[in-house]
Protein backbone atom coordinates (compact mmCIF):
# COMPACT_ATOMS: atom_id res chain seq x y z
CA UNK A 1 22.41 62.10 14.13
CA UNK A 2 23.42 64.43 11.31
CA UNK A 3 24.63 67.02 13.81
CA UNK A 4 26.81 64.39 15.52
CA UNK A 5 28.37 63.41 12.20
CA UNK A 6 28.98 67.05 11.23
CA UNK A 7 30.39 67.80 14.66
CA UNK A 8 33.86 66.29 14.78
CA UNK A 9 33.67 65.60 18.51
CA UNK A 10 30.32 63.82 18.11
CA UNK A 11 31.65 61.68 15.28
CA UNK A 12 34.63 60.72 17.40
CA UNK A 13 32.33 59.59 20.21
CA UNK A 14 30.38 57.39 17.79
CA UNK A 15 33.59 55.83 16.47
CA UNK A 16 34.81 55.20 20.00
CA UNK A 17 31.45 53.70 21.02
CA UNK A 18 31.37 51.35 18.00
CA UNK A 19 34.98 50.38 18.61
CA UNK A 20 34.20 49.51 22.24
CA UNK A 21 31.18 47.42 21.23
CA UNK A 22 33.24 45.64 18.57
CA UNK A 23 36.04 44.99 21.07
CA UNK A 24 33.61 43.57 23.62
CA UNK A 25 32.12 41.36 20.90
CA UNK A 26 35.55 39.98 19.90
CA UNK A 27 36.56 39.37 23.53
CA UNK A 28 33.31 37.50 24.25
CA UNK A 29 33.78 35.38 21.11
CA UNK A 30 37.35 34.49 22.11
CA UNK A 31 36.25 33.59 25.64
CA UNK A 32 33.51 31.33 24.29
CA UNK A 33 35.92 29.52 21.96
CA UNK A 34 38.39 29.06 24.80
CA UNK A 35 35.62 27.65 27.03
CA UNK A 36 34.68 25.09 24.39
CA UNK A 37 38.34 24.21 23.80
CA UNK A 38 38.78 23.71 27.55
CA UNK A 39 35.77 21.36 27.66
CA UNK A 40 37.19 19.41 24.70
CA UNK A 41 40.63 19.06 26.29
CA UNK A 42 39.11 18.03 29.64
CA UNK A 43 36.96 15.37 28.01
CA UNK A 44 39.78 14.12 25.80
CA UNK A 45 42.03 13.71 28.85
CA UNK A 46 39.33 11.99 30.90
CA UNK A 47 38.34 9.61 28.09
CA UNK A 48 42.01 8.76 27.53
CA UNK A 49 42.48 8.15 31.26
CA UNK A 50 39.32 6.04 31.44
CA UNK A 51 40.33 3.90 28.47
CA UNK A 52 43.82 3.28 29.89
CA UNK A 53 42.40 2.37 33.31
CA UNK A 54 39.91 0.03 31.64
CA UNK A 55 42.65 -1.72 29.66
CA UNK A 56 44.85 -2.03 32.73
CA UNK A 57 41.99 -3.51 34.78
CA UNK A 58 40.93 -5.92 32.01
CA UNK A 59 44.35 -7.39 31.23
CA UNK A 60 44.30 -11.15 31.77
CA UNK A 61 46.99 -12.29 34.17
CA UNK A 62 47.62 -15.62 32.50
CA UNK A 63 48.43 -13.88 29.20
CA UNK A 64 50.59 -11.26 30.95
CA UNK A 65 52.87 -14.01 32.23
CA UNK A 66 53.19 -15.35 28.69
CA UNK A 67 53.92 -11.77 27.48
CA UNK A 68 50.82 -11.60 25.33
CA UNK A 69 48.58 -8.59 25.37
CA UNK A 70 45.04 -9.86 25.81
CA UNK A 71 42.19 -8.52 27.81
CA UNK A 72 38.62 -9.25 28.84
CA UNK A 73 36.53 -7.03 26.56
CA UNK A 74 33.41 -6.97 28.72
CA UNK A 75 35.39 -6.04 31.83
CA UNK A 76 37.14 -3.27 29.90
CA UNK A 77 33.86 -1.71 28.76
CA UNK A 78 32.32 -2.03 32.24
CA UNK A 79 35.38 -0.49 33.89
CA UNK A 80 35.29 2.38 31.38
CA UNK A 81 31.61 3.09 32.12
CA UNK A 82 32.19 2.83 35.89
CA UNK A 83 35.01 5.38 35.66
CA UNK A 84 32.90 7.78 33.67
CA UNK A 85 29.98 7.63 36.12
CA UNK A 86 31.75 7.26 39.47
CA UNK A 87 35.08 9.04 39.14
CA UNK A 88 34.21 11.70 36.57
CA UNK A 89 30.83 12.39 38.15
CA UNK A 90 28.54 12.01 35.17
CA UNK A 91 24.94 11.03 35.82
CA UNK A 92 23.13 8.10 34.16
CA UNK A 93 22.55 10.16 31.01
CA UNK A 94 26.27 11.06 30.86
CA UNK A 95 25.61 14.69 31.70
CA UNK A 96 27.97 16.86 33.73
CA UNK A 97 25.89 19.12 35.96
CA UNK A 98 27.24 21.83 38.25
CA UNK A 99 25.01 23.94 40.46
CA UNK A 100 21.87 22.69 38.72
CA UNK A 101 23.16 23.67 35.29
CA UNK A 102 24.24 21.29 32.55
CA UNK A 103 27.87 21.95 31.59
CA UNK A 104 27.98 19.35 28.80
CA UNK A 105 26.24 16.22 27.62
CA UNK A 106 28.49 13.36 26.51
CA UNK A 107 27.31 10.79 24.00
CA UNK A 108 29.52 7.73 23.58
CA UNK A 109 29.18 6.69 19.95
CA UNK A 110 31.40 3.65 19.95
CA UNK A 111 33.62 1.68 22.32
CA UNK A 112 35.77 -0.79 20.41
CA UNK A 113 37.92 -3.08 22.51
CA UNK A 114 40.70 -4.85 20.65
CA UNK A 115 41.21 -8.12 22.50
CA UNK A 116 44.51 -9.09 20.88
CA UNK A 117 46.24 -5.72 21.02
CA UNK A 118 44.83 -4.85 24.47
CA UNK A 119 43.60 -1.47 23.33
CA UNK A 120 40.35 0.40 23.68
CA UNK A 121 39.13 2.91 21.09
CA UNK A 122 36.43 5.37 22.14
CA UNK A 123 34.53 7.80 19.93
CA UNK A 124 32.21 10.32 21.50
CA UNK A 125 30.47 13.62 20.91
CA UNK A 126 29.94 16.25 23.59
CA UNK A 127 27.28 18.92 23.40
CA UNK A 128 27.81 22.17 25.27
CA UNK A 129 25.41 25.12 25.34
CA UNK A 130 26.44 28.30 23.59
CA UNK A 131 26.77 31.20 25.98
CA UNK A 132 27.48 33.81 23.38
CA UNK A 133 24.98 36.68 23.24
CA UNK A 134 21.79 35.73 21.40
CA UNK A 135 22.61 32.10 20.63
CA UNK A 136 20.78 30.73 23.66
CA UNK A 137 19.44 27.27 22.91
CA UNK A 138 22.15 26.50 20.36
CA UNK A 139 24.79 23.91 21.18
CA UNK A 140 28.42 23.32 20.26
CA UNK A 141 29.10 19.83 18.90
CA UNK A 142 32.52 18.64 20.09
CA UNK A 143 33.77 15.37 18.50
CA UNK A 144 36.30 13.33 20.50
CA UNK A 145 38.21 10.24 19.43
CA UNK A 146 40.58 8.45 21.81
CA UNK A 147 42.69 5.31 21.58
CA UNK A 148 44.28 3.89 24.70
CA UNK A 149 47.94 3.08 24.84
CA UNK A 150 48.96 -0.53 24.75
CA UNK A 151 50.35 -0.72 28.27
CA UNK A 152 52.95 -3.46 28.63
CA UNK A 153 52.53 -4.68 32.18
CA UNK A 154 55.12 -7.42 31.98
């Protein structure tokens, strides 16, 4: 090691090797953060879509004619859960699995339907496995909060 440090060519090879390792480390970290960000955006969009579909399906026709925004709360929650399982493809435990591997696990913390405003507020946490070097077994915790738009259907 001392001969490599004394030898200018050897020292340069060590610097280049450490620089390459550092660069690979930074690139892998950036790719992992982008993967988690992509999962968060995907889930945010799907929860937003599911809440809007649930509100649209649960709007009461008699109140729509009177230009009042009211909805059936139970139907809204059931429609939301049906969308998450059937259309999004989550299993009964709200896990997304691809090729036998769990991509993420979604935990719905709270679904708050607002009957008078015809809105649905959803709070959830997604857990995704870390795929960054030695952190196997660790999970990213991704909080998501979504509020549906009040869709005027009249």
